[in-house]
Amino acid sequence: MSKSKTHSKTEDWSQNEVLFAVKNRGSNLSKLAEANGYDNRRALYVVFYRKNAPTAQKIIADFLELKPEEIWPSRYQSLTVKYTSPAVRPHVRVA
C-alpha cells in the first residue's frame, strides 16, 4: 500500500490493505503492539472489529506516517464536519 493509492474520502481501508501496508514497512501488528507496550500481541487487531479504538488506530497510522482519518475516514466523519452558522431562531415575544 502506498500513500498514492486512491480511496474515496469515505472509504476505509480493508483489513488486508492495512496488514499489507504494515508488512510492506517491515513489521506486523503483533510487533507494533509489543513495541507500544501491549502484553497482548493481538491488541491492535481491535481496529478491524471495533470502530472505537482510537489508540490502536493512532499507533497503526503513526507507523504508516498517516493520520487515522486517512485510513478509516468513516470513523472520523462526524468529527470533521464543518458547521457554518447556527440556525437562526425567529424572535419570539413572551407576553
PDB file of N, CA and C in Angstrom:
ATOM      1  N   MET A   1       0.846  -1.172   0.000  1.00  0.00           N
ATOM      2  CA  MET A   1       0.000   0.000   0.000  1.00  0.00           C
ATOM      3  C   MET A   1       0.886   1.228   0.000  1.00  0.00           C
ATOM      4  N   SER A   2       0.663   2.083  -0.906  1.00  0.00           N
ATOM      5  CA  SER A   2       1.431   3.319  -0.921  1.00  0.00           C
ATOM      6  C   SER A   2       0.494   4.466  -0.613  1.00  0.00           C
ATOM      7  N   LYS A   3       1.077   5.576  -0.274  1.00  0.00           N
ATOM      8  CA  LYS A   3       0.258   6.745   0.019  1.00  0.00           C
ATOM      9  C   LYS A   3      -0.504   7.203  -1.211  1.00  0.00           C
ATOM     10  N   SER A   4      -0.036   6.816  -2.395  1.00  0.00           N
ATOM     11  CA  SER A   4      -0.665   7.287  -3.617  1.00  0.00           C
ATOM     12  C   SER A   4      -1.914   6.498  -3.981  1.00  0.00           C
ATOM     13  N   LYS A   5      -2.181   5.389  -3.284  1.00  0.00           N
ATOM     14  CA  LYS A   5      -3.387   4.623  -3.583  1.00  0.00           C
ATOM     15  C   LYS A   5      -4.586   5.522  -3.327  1.00  0.00           C
ATOM     16  N   THR A   6      -5.500   5.514  -4.257  1.00  0.00           N
ATOM     17  CA  THR A   6      -6.629   6.419  -4.118  1.00  0.00           C
ATOM     18  C   THR A   6      -7.805   5.711  -3.473  1.00  0.00           C
ATOM     19  N   HIS A   7      -8.308   6.299  -2.442  1.00  0.00           N
ATOM     20  CA  HIS A   7      -9.515   5.864  -1.766  1.00  0.00           C
ATOM     21  C   HIS A   7     -10.441   7.067  -1.788  1.00  0.00           C
ATOM     22  N   SER A   8     -11.732   6.784  -1.811  1.00  0.00           N
ATOM     23  CA  SER A   8     -12.637   7.911  -1.670  1.00  0.00           C
ATOM     24  C   SER A   8     -12.483   8.423  -0.245  1.00  0.00           C
ATOM     25  N   LYS A   9     -12.908   9.617  -0.010  1.00  0.00           N
ATOM     26  CA  LYS A   9     -12.723  10.209   1.313  1.00  0.00           C
ATOM     27  C   LYS A   9     -13.541   9.504   2.386  1.00  0.00           C
ATOM     28  N   THR A  10     -14.492   8.674   1.988  1.00  0.00           N
ATOM     29  CA  THR A  10     -15.311   7.966   2.972  1.00  0.00           C
ATOM     30  C   THR A  10     -15.059   6.463   2.967  1.00  0.00           C
ATOM     31  N   GLU A  11     -14.129   6.005   2.176  1.00  0.00           N
ATOM     32  CA  GLU A  11     -13.864   4.568   2.069  1.00  0.00           C
ATOM     33  C   GLU A  11     -12.717   4.154   2.982  1.00  0.00           C
ATOM     34  N   ASP A  12     -13.035   3.318   3.960  1.00  0.00           N
ATOM     35  CA  ASP A  12     -11.998   2.809   4.859  1.00  0.00           C
ATOM     36  C   ASP A  12     -11.133   1.793   4.134  1.00  0.00           C
ATOM     37  N   TRP A  13      -9.879   1.696   4.545  1.00  0.00           N
ATOM     38  CA  TRP A  13      -9.012   0.656   4.012  1.00  0.00           C
ATOM     39  C   TRP A  13      -9.523  -0.685   4.520  1.00  0.00           C
ATOM     40  N   SER A  14      -9.380  -1.702   3.720  1.00  0.00           N
ATOM     41  CA  SER A  14      -9.769  -3.044   4.152  1.00  0.00           C
ATOM     42  C   SER A  14      -8.723  -3.586   5.120  1.00  0.00           C
ATOM     43  N   GLN A  15      -9.079  -4.642   5.826  1.00  0.00           N
ATOM     44  CA  GLN A  15      -8.135  -5.280   6.744  1.00  0.00           C
ATOM     45  C   GLN A  15      -6.878  -5.711   5.997  1.00  0.00           C
ATOM     46  N   ASN A  16      -7.059  -6.290   4.816  1.00  0.00           N
ATOM     47  CA  ASN A  16      -5.906  -6.737   4.028  1.00  0.00           C
ATOM     48  C   ASN A  16      -5.005  -5.578   3.624  1.00  0.00           C
ATOM     49  N   GLU A  17      -5.597  -4.437   3.274  1.00  0.00           N
ATOM     50  CA  GLU A  17      -4.797  -3.270   2.886  1.00  0.00           C
ATOM     51  C   GLU A  17      -3.966  -2.754   4.059  1.00  0.00           C
ATOM     52  N   VAL A  18      -4.563  -2.716   5.233  1.00  0.00           N
ATOM     53  CA  VAL A  18      -3.840  -2.252   6.418  1.00  0.00           C
ATOM     54  C   VAL A  18      -2.699  -3.209   6.740  1.00  0.00           C
ATOM     55  N   LEU A  19      -3.005  -4.506   6.769  1.00  0.00           N
ATOM     56  CA  LEU A  19      -1.975  -5.501   7.086  1.00  0.00           C
ATOM     57  C   LEU A  19      -0.844  -5.477   6.061  1.00  0.00           C
ATOM     58  N   PHE A  20      -1.195  -5.318   4.784  1.00  0.00           N
ATOM     59  CA  PHE A  20      -0.184  -5.266   3.728  1.00  0.00           C
ATOM     60  C   PHE A  20       0.705  -4.034   3.881  1.00  0.00           C
ATOM     61  N   ALA A  21       0.083  -2.895   4.185  1.00  0.00           N
ATOM     62  CA  ALA A  21       0.851  -1.653   4.337  1.00  0.00           C
ATOM     63  C   ALA A  21       1.842  -1.765   5.492  1.00  0.00           C
ATOM     64  N   VAL A  22       1.406  -2.350   6.591  1.00  0.00           N
ATOM     65  CA  VAL A  22       2.296  -2.524   7.744  1.00  0.00           C
ATOM     66  C   VAL A  22       3.408  -3.506   7.393  1.00  0.00           C
ATOM     67  N   LYS A  23       3.043  -4.605   6.748  1.00  0.00           N
ATOM     68  CA  LYS A  23       4.040  -5.613   6.359  1.00  0.00           C
ATOM     69  C   LYS A  23       5.044  -5.021   5.367  1.00  0.00           C
ATOM     70  N   ASN A  24       4.553  -4.197   4.459  1.00  0.00           N
ATOM     71  CA  ASN A  24       5.406  -3.561   3.451  1.00  0.00           C
ATOM     72  C   ASN A  24       6.469  -2.670   4.088  1.00  0.00           C
ATOM     73  N   ARG A  25       6.194  -2.183   5.289  1.00  0.00           N
ATOM     74  CA  ARG A  25       7.153  -1.342   6.009  1.00  0.00           C
ATOM     75  C   ARG A  25       7.997  -2.170   6.974  1.00  0.00           C
ATOM     76  N   GLY A  26       7.872  -3.499   6.864  1.00  0.00           N
ATOM     77  CA  GLY A  26       8.754  -4.374   7.628  1.00  0.00           C
ATOM     78  C   GLY A  26       8.291  -4.756   9.018  1.00  0.00           C
ATOM     79  N   SER A  27       6.992  -4.699   9.263  1.00  0.00           N
ATOM     80  CA  SER A  27       6.507  -5.062  10.590  1.00  0.00           C
ATOM     81  C   SER A  27       5.184  -5.799  10.479  1.00  0.00           C
ATOM     82  N   ASN A  28       4.552  -6.019  11.604  1.00  0.00           N
ATOM     83  CA  ASN A  28       3.201  -6.574  11.650  1.00  0.00           C
ATOM     84  C   ASN A  28       2.534  -6.034  12.910  1.00  0.00           C
ATOM     85  N   LEU A  29       1.249  -6.283  13.052  1.00  0.00           N
ATOM     86  CA  LEU A  29       0.527  -5.700  14.179  1.00  0.00           C
ATOM     87  C   LEU A  29       0.996  -6.253  15.517  1.00  0.00           C
ATOM     88  N   SER A  30       1.426  -7.497  15.541  1.00  0.00           N
ATOM     89  CA  SER A  30       1.943  -8.074  16.788  1.00  0.00           C
ATOM     90  C   SER A  30       3.194  -7.338  17.249  1.00  0.00           C
ATOM     91  N   LYS A  31       4.097  -7.073  16.316  1.00  0.00           N
ATOM     92  CA  LYS A  31       5.331  -6.349  16.655  1.00  0.00           C
ATOM     93  C   LYS A  31       5.021  -4.915  17.083  1.00  0.00           C
ATOM     94  N   LEU A  32       4.064  -4.282  16.396  1.00  0.00           N
ATOM     95  CA  LEU A  32       3.684  -2.917  16.768  1.00  0.00           C
ATOM     96  C   LEU A  32       3.082  -2.889  18.169  1.00  0.00           C
ATOM     97  N   ALA A  33       2.239  -3.865  18.473  1.00  0.00           N
ATOM     98  CA  ALA A  33       1.630  -3.931  19.803  1.00  0.00           C
ATOM     99  C   ALA A  33       2.704  -4.087  20.868  1.00  0.00           C
ATOM    100  N   GLU A  34       3.612  -4.997  20.635  1.00  0.00           N
ATOM    101  CA  GLU A  34       4.697  -5.244  21.588  1.00  0.00           C
ATOM    102  C   GLU A  34       5.576  -4.002  21.754  1.00  0.00           C
ATOM    103  N   ALA A  35       5.880  -3.333  20.649  1.00  0.00           N
ATOM    104  CA  ALA A  35       6.722  -2.133  20.688  1.00  0.00           C
ATOM    105  C   ALA A  35       6.045  -0.974  21.421  1.00  0.00           C
ATOM    106  N   ASN A  36       4.714  -1.025  21.490  1.00  0.00           N
ATOM    107  CA  ASN A  36       3.967   0.042  22.159  1.00  0.00           C
ATOM    108  C   ASN A  36       3.494  -0.365  23.550  1.00  0.00           C
ATOM    109  N   GLY A  37       4.112  -1.401  24.102  1.00  0.00           N
ATOM    110  CA  GLY A  37       3.862  -1.760  25.490  1.00  0.00           C
ATOM    111  C   GLY A  37       2.674  -2.652  25.770  1.00  0.00           C
ATOM    112  N   TYR A  38       2.080  -3.236  24.754  1.00  0.00           N
ATOM    113  CA  TYR A  38       0.952  -4.133  24.974  1.00  0.00           C
ATOM    114  C   TYR A  38       1.455  -5.533  25.295  1.00  0.00           C
ATOM    115  N   ASP A  39       0.885  -6.139  26.332  1.00  0.00           N
ATOM    116  CA  ASP A  39       1.225  -7.522  26.666  1.00  0.00           C
ATOM    117  C   ASP A  39       0.589  -8.478  25.662  1.00  0.00           C
ATOM    118  N   ASN A  40      -0.630  -8.150  25.267  1.00  0.00           N
ATOM    119  CA  ASN A  40      -1.352  -8.974  24.299  1.00  0.00           C
ATOM    120  C   ASN A  40      -0.886  -8.589  22.898  1.00  0.00           C
ATOM    121  N   ARG A  41      -0.219  -9.493  22.236  1.00  0.00           N
ATOM    122  CA  ARG A  41       0.348  -9.181  20.919  1.00  0.00           C
ATOM    123  C   ARG A  41      -0.731  -8.947  19.867  1.00  0.00           C
ATOM    124  N   ARG A  42      -1.962  -9.359  20.155  1.00  0.00           N
ATOM    125  CA  ARG A  42      -3.051  -9.160  19.192  1.00  0.00           C
ATOM    126  C   ARG A  42      -3.892  -7.927  19.529  1.00  0.00           C
ATOM    127  N   ALA A  43      -3.410  -7.105  20.419  1.00  0.00           N
ATOM    128  CA  ALA A  43      -4.175  -5.950  20.895  1.00  0.00           C
ATOM    129  C   ALA A  43      -4.584  -4.995  19.781  1.00  0.00           C
ATOM    130  N   LEU A  44      -3.753  -4.811  18.782  1.00  0.00           N
ATOM    131  CA  LEU A  44      -4.062  -3.839  17.729  1.00  0.00           C
ATOM    132  C   LEU A  44      -5.071  -4.362  16.713  1.00  0.00           C
ATOM    133  N   TYR A  45      -5.346  -5.646  16.736  1.00  0.00           N
ATOM    134  CA  TYR A  45      -6.327  -6.201  15.812  1.00  0.00           C
ATOM    135  C   TYR A  45      -7.737  -5.700  16.121  1.00  0.00           C
ATOM    136  N   VAL A  46      -7.903  -5.044  17.249  1.00  0.00           N
ATOM    137  CA  VAL A  46      -9.187  -4.484  17.637  1.00  0.00           C
ATOM    138  C   VAL A  46      -9.714  -3.513  16.570  1.00  0.00           C
ATOM    139  N   VAL A  47      -8.828  -2.889  15.803  1.00  0.00           N
ATOM    140  CA  VAL A  47      -9.268  -1.909  14.795  1.00  0.00           C
ATOM    141  C   VAL A  47     -10.129  -2.541  13.706  1.00  0.00           C
ATOM    142  N   PHE A  48     -10.048  -3.848  13.545  1.00  0.00           N
ATOM    143  CA  PHE A  48     -10.806  -4.493  12.483  1.00  0.00           C
ATOM    144  C   PHE A  48     -12.214  -4.904  12.902  1.00  0.00           C
ATOM    145  N   TYR A  49     -12.482  -4.970  14.196  1.00  0.00           N
ATOM    146  CA  TYR A  49     -13.825  -5.372  14.603  1.00  0.00           C
ATOM    147  C   TYR A  49     -14.483  -4.407  15.584  1.00  0.00           C
ATOM    148  N   ARG A  50     -13.813  -3.323  15.917  1.00  0.00           N
ATOM    149  CA  ARG A  50     -14.401  -2.313  16.786  1.00  0.00           C
ATOM    150  C   ARG A  50     -14.036  -0.937  16.259  1.00  0.00           C
ATOM    151  N   LYS A  51     -15.039  -0.132  15.997  1.00  0.00           N
ATOM    152  CA  LYS A  51     -14.769   1.185  15.417  1.00  0.00           C
ATOM    153  C   LYS A  51     -14.175   2.160  16.424  1.00  0.00           C
ATOM    154  N   ASN A  52     -14.472   1.968  17.690  1.00  0.00           N
ATOM    155  CA  ASN A  52     -13.992   2.891  18.707  1.00  0.00           C
ATOM    156  C   ASN A  52     -12.703   2.361  19.330  1.00  0.00           C
ATOM    157  N   ALA A  53     -11.616   2.489  18.600  1.00  0.00           N
ATOM    158  CA  ALA A  53     -10.299   2.053  19.076  1.00  0.00           C
ATOM    159  C   ALA A  53      -9.255   3.091  18.674  1.00  0.00           C
ATOM    160  N   PRO A  54      -9.407   4.333  19.163  1.00  0.00           N
ATOM    161  CA  PRO A  54      -8.537   5.411  18.698  1.00  0.00           C
ATOM    162  C   PRO A  54      -7.055   5.201  18.989  1.00  0.00           C
ATOM    163  N   THR A  55      -6.720   4.587  20.110  1.00  0.00           N
ATOM    164  CA  THR A  55      -5.306   4.384  20.432  1.00  0.00           C
ATOM    165  C   THR A  55      -4.667   3.428  19.445  1.00  0.00           C
ATOM    166  N   ALA A  56      -5.341   2.319  19.179  1.00  0.00           N
ATOM    167  CA  ALA A  56      -4.817   1.337  18.218  1.00  0.00           C
ATOM    168  C   ALA A  56      -4.743   1.942  16.822  1.00  0.00           C
ATOM    169  N   GLN A  57      -5.762   2.711  16.438  1.00  0.00           N
ATOM    170  CA  GLN A  57      -5.763   3.350  15.124  1.00  0.00           C
ATOM    171  C   GLN A  57      -4.592   4.320  14.999  1.00  0.00           C
ATOM    172  N   LYS A  58      -4.322   5.068  16.060  1.00  0.00           N
ATOM    173  CA  LYS A  58      -3.223   6.044  16.023  1.00  0.00           C
ATOM    174  C   LYS A  58      -1.869   5.350  15.926  1.00  0.00           C
ATOM    175  N   ILE A  59      -1.685   4.256  16.638  1.00  0.00           N
ATOM    176  CA  ILE A  59      -0.413   3.525  16.580  1.00  0.00           C
ATOM    177  C   ILE A  59      -0.145   3.051  15.158  1.00  0.00           C
ATOM    178  N   ILE A  60      -1.161   2.472  14.532  1.00  0.00           N
ATOM    179  CA  ILE A  60      -1.006   1.969  13.163  1.00  0.00           C
ATOM    180  C   ILE A  60      -0.771   3.127  12.197  1.00  0.00           C
ATOM    181  N   ALA A  61      -1.584   4.174  12.314  1.00  0.00           N
ATOM    182  CA  ALA A  61      -1.448   5.326  11.417  1.00  0.00           C
ATOM    183  C   ALA A  61      -0.084   5.993  11.566  1.00  0.00           C
ATOM    184  N   ASP A  62       0.371   6.164  12.794  1.00  0.00           N
ATOM    185  CA  ASP A  62       1.694   6.768  13.010  1.00  0.00           C
ATOM    186  C   ASP A  62       2.784   5.930  12.357  1.00  0.00           C
ATOM    187  N   PHE A  63       2.686   4.617  12.484  1.00  0.00           N
ATOM    188  CA  PHE A  63       3.677   3.736  11.874  1.00  0.00           C
ATOM    189  C   PHE A  63       3.687   3.894  10.353  1.00  0.00           C
ATOM    190  N   LEU A  64       2.495   4.092   9.775  1.00  0.00           N
ATOM    191  CA  LEU A  64       2.376   4.247   8.320  1.00  0.00           C
ATOM    192  C   LEU A  64       2.584   5.696   7.876  1.00  0.00           C
ATOM    193  N   GLU A  65       2.878   6.580   8.834  1.00  0.00           N
ATOM    194  CA  GLU A  65       3.069   8.006   8.562  1.00  0.00           C
ATOM    195  C   GLU A  65       1.837   8.630   7.909  1.00  0.00           C
ATOM    196  N   LEU A  66       0.688   8.268   8.457  1.00  0.00           N
ATOM    197  CA  LEU A  66      -0.591   8.799   8.004  1.00  0.00           C
ATOM    198  C   LEU A  66      -1.384   9.253   9.217  1.00  0.00           C
ATOM    199  N   LYS A  67      -2.514   9.876   8.966  1.00  0.00           N
ATOM    200  CA  LYS A  67      -3.452  10.215  10.029  1.00  0.00           C
ATOM    201  C   LYS A  67      -4.493   9.100  10.088  1.00  0.00           C
ATOM    202  N   PRO A  68      -5.014   8.780  11.268  1.00  0.00           N
ATOM    203  CA  PRO A  68      -6.033   7.731  11.355  1.00  0.00           C
ATOM    204  C   PRO A  68      -7.221   7.976  10.420  1.00  0.00           C
ATOM    205  N   GLU A  69      -7.604   9.240  10.267  1.00  0.00           N
ATOM    206  CA  GLU A  69      -8.756   9.543   9.408  1.00  0.00           C
ATOM    207  C   GLU A  69      -8.475   9.312   7.929  1.00  0.00           C
ATOM    208  N   GLU A  70      -7.211   9.157   7.553  1.00  0.00           N
ATOM    209  CA  GLU A  70      -6.878   8.807   6.174  1.00  0.00           C
ATOM    210  C   GLU A  70      -7.073   7.311   5.925  1.00  0.00           C
ATOM    211  N   ILE A  71      -6.950   6.507   6.955  1.00  0.00           N
ATOM    212  CA  ILE A  71      -7.116   5.060   6.832  1.00  0.00           C
ATOM    213  C   ILE A  71      -8.561   4.659   7.101  1.00  0.00           C
ATOM    214  N   TRP A  72      -9.183   5.291   8.094  1.00  0.00           N
ATOM    215  CA  TRP A  72     -10.558   4.977   8.477  1.00  0.00           C
ATOM    216  C   TRP A  72     -11.417   6.241   8.439  1.00  0.00           C
ATOM    217  N   PRO A  73     -11.621   6.844   7.269  1.00  0.00           N
ATOM    218  CA  PRO A  73     -12.354   8.113   7.210  1.00  0.00           C
ATOM    219  C   PRO A  73     -13.786   8.033   7.732  1.00  0.00           C
ATOM    220  N   SER A  74     -14.451   6.907   7.548  1.00  0.00           N
ATOM    221  CA  SER A  74     -15.838   6.816   8.001  1.00  0.00           C
ATOM    222  C   SER A  74     -15.942   6.908   9.517  1.00  0.00           C
ATOM    223  N   ARG A  75     -14.885   6.573  10.217  1.00  0.00           N
ATOM    224  CA  ARG A  75     -14.895   6.613  11.679  1.00  0.00           C
ATOM    225  C   ARG A  75     -14.669   8.024  12.209  1.00  0.00           C
ATOM    226  N   TYR A  76     -14.219   8.914  11.341  1.00  0.00           N
ATOM    227  CA  TYR A  76     -13.891  10.267  11.771  1.00  0.00           C
ATOM    228  C   TYR A  76     -14.762  11.320  11.096  1.00  0.00           C
ATOM    229  N   GLN A  77     -15.703  10.909  10.261  1.00  0.00           N
ATOM    230  CA  GLN A  77     -16.534  11.867   9.530  1.00  0.00           C
ATOM    231  C   GLN A  77     -17.237  12.847  10.448  1.00  0.00           C
ATOM    232  N   SER A  78     -17.891  12.346  11.472  1.00  0.00           N
ATOM    233  CA  SER A  78     -18.666  13.234  12.332  1.00  0.00           C
ATOM    234  C   SER A  78     -17.774  14.202  13.099  1.00  0.00           C
ATOM    235  N   LEU A  79     -16.497  13.871  13.245  1.00  0.00           N
ATOM    236  CA  LEU A  79     -15.580  14.757  13.949  1.00  0.00           C
ATOM    237  C   LEU A  79     -15.031  15.858  13.054  1.00  0.00           C
ATOM    238  N   THR A  80     -15.152  15.681  11.736  1.00  0.00           N
ATOM    239  CA  THR A  80     -14.576  16.661  10.824  1.00  0.00           C
ATOM    240  C   THR A  80     -15.626  17.474  10.077  1.00  0.00           C
ATOM    241  N   VAL A  81     -16.885  17.291  10.431  1.00  0.00           N
ATOM    242  CA  VAL A  81     -17.943  18.052   9.779  1.00  0.00           C
ATOM    243  C   VAL A  81     -17.795  19.511  10.179  1.00  0.00           C
ATOM    244  N   LYS A  82     -17.793  20.368   9.189  1.00  0.00           N
ATOM    245  CA  LYS A  82     -17.667  21.793   9.467  1.00  0.00           C
ATOM    246  C   LYS A  82     -19.062  22.402   9.478  1.00  0.00           C
ATOM    247  N   TYR A  83     -19.317  23.138  10.517  1.00  0.00           N
ATOM    248  CA  TYR A  83     -20.612  23.783  10.641  1.00  0.00           C
ATOM    249  C   TYR A  83     -20.474  25.235  10.209  1.00  0.00           C
ATOM    250  N   THR A  84     -21.517  25.715   9.542  1.00  0.00           N
ATOM    251  CA  THR A  84     -21.497  27.121   9.160  1.00  0.00           C
ATOM    252  C   THR A  84     -21.967  27.913  10.377  1.00  0.00           C
ATOM    253  N   SER A  85     -23.072  28.554  10.283  1.00  0.00           N
ATOM    254  CA  SER A  85     -23.558  29.292  11.442  1.00  0.00           C
ATOM    255  C   SER A  85     -24.720  28.528  12.061  1.00  0.00           C
ATOM    256  N   PRO A  86     -24.943  28.722  13.333  1.00  0.00           N
ATOM    257  CA  PRO A  86     -26.073  28.039  13.950  1.00  0.00           C
ATOM    258  C   PRO A  86     -27.372  28.532  13.336  1.00  0.00           C
ATOM    259  N   ALA A  87     -28.362  27.684  13.368  1.00  0.00           N
ATOM    260  CA  ALA A  87     -29.662  28.064  12.806  1.00  0.00           C
ATOM    261  C   ALA A  87     -30.199  29.280  13.551  1.00  0.00           C
ATOM    262  N   VAL A  88     -30.734  30.184  12.799  1.00  0.00           N
ATOM    263  CA  VAL A  88     -31.276  31.400  13.391  1.00  0.00           C
ATOM    264  C   VAL A  88     -32.700  31.117  13.828  1.00  0.00           C
ATOM    265  N   ARG A  89     -32.949  31.333  15.103  1.00  0.00           N
ATOM    266  CA  ARG A  89     -34.295  31.119  15.623  1.00  0.00           C
ATOM    267  C   ARG A  89     -35.086  32.411  15.487  1.00  0.00           C
ATOM    268  N   PRO A  90     -36.329  32.287  15.069  1.00  0.00           N
ATOM    269  CA  PRO A  90     -37.140  33.507  14.971  1.00  0.00           C
ATOM    270  C   PRO A  90     -37.359  34.101  16.366  1.00  0.00           C
ATOM    271  N   HIS A  91     -37.429  35.392  16.391  1.00  0.00           N
ATOM    272  CA  HIS A  91     -37.642  36.079  17.665  1.00  0.00           C
ATOM    273  C   HIS A  91     -39.051  35.777  18.157  1.00  0.00           C
ATOM    274  N   VAL A  92     -39.153  35.341  19.386  1.00  0.00           N
ATOM    275  CA  VAL A  92     -40.461  35.030  19.974  1.00  0.00           C
ATOM    276  C   VAL A  92     -40.705  36.000  21.114  1.00  0.00           C
ATOM    277  N   ARG A  93     -41.839  36.661  21.054  1.00  0.00           N
ATOM    278  CA  ARG A  93     -42.187  37.589  22.131  1.00  0.00           C
ATOM    279  C   ARG A  93     -42.976  36.851  23.193  1.00  0.00           C
ATOM    280  N   VAL A  94     -42.589  37.087  24.396  1.00  0.00           N
ATOM    281  CA  VAL A  94     -43.315  36.490  25.514  1.00  0.00           C
ATOM    282  C   VAL A  94     -44.158  37.580  26.137  1.00  0.00           C
ATOM    283  N   ALA A  95     -45.448  37.312  26.271  1.00  0.00           N
ATOM    284  CA  ALA A  95     -46.357  38.327  26.799  1.00  0.00           C
ATOM    285  C   ALA A  95     -46.306  38.420  28.295  1.00  0.00           C
TER     286      ALA A  95
END
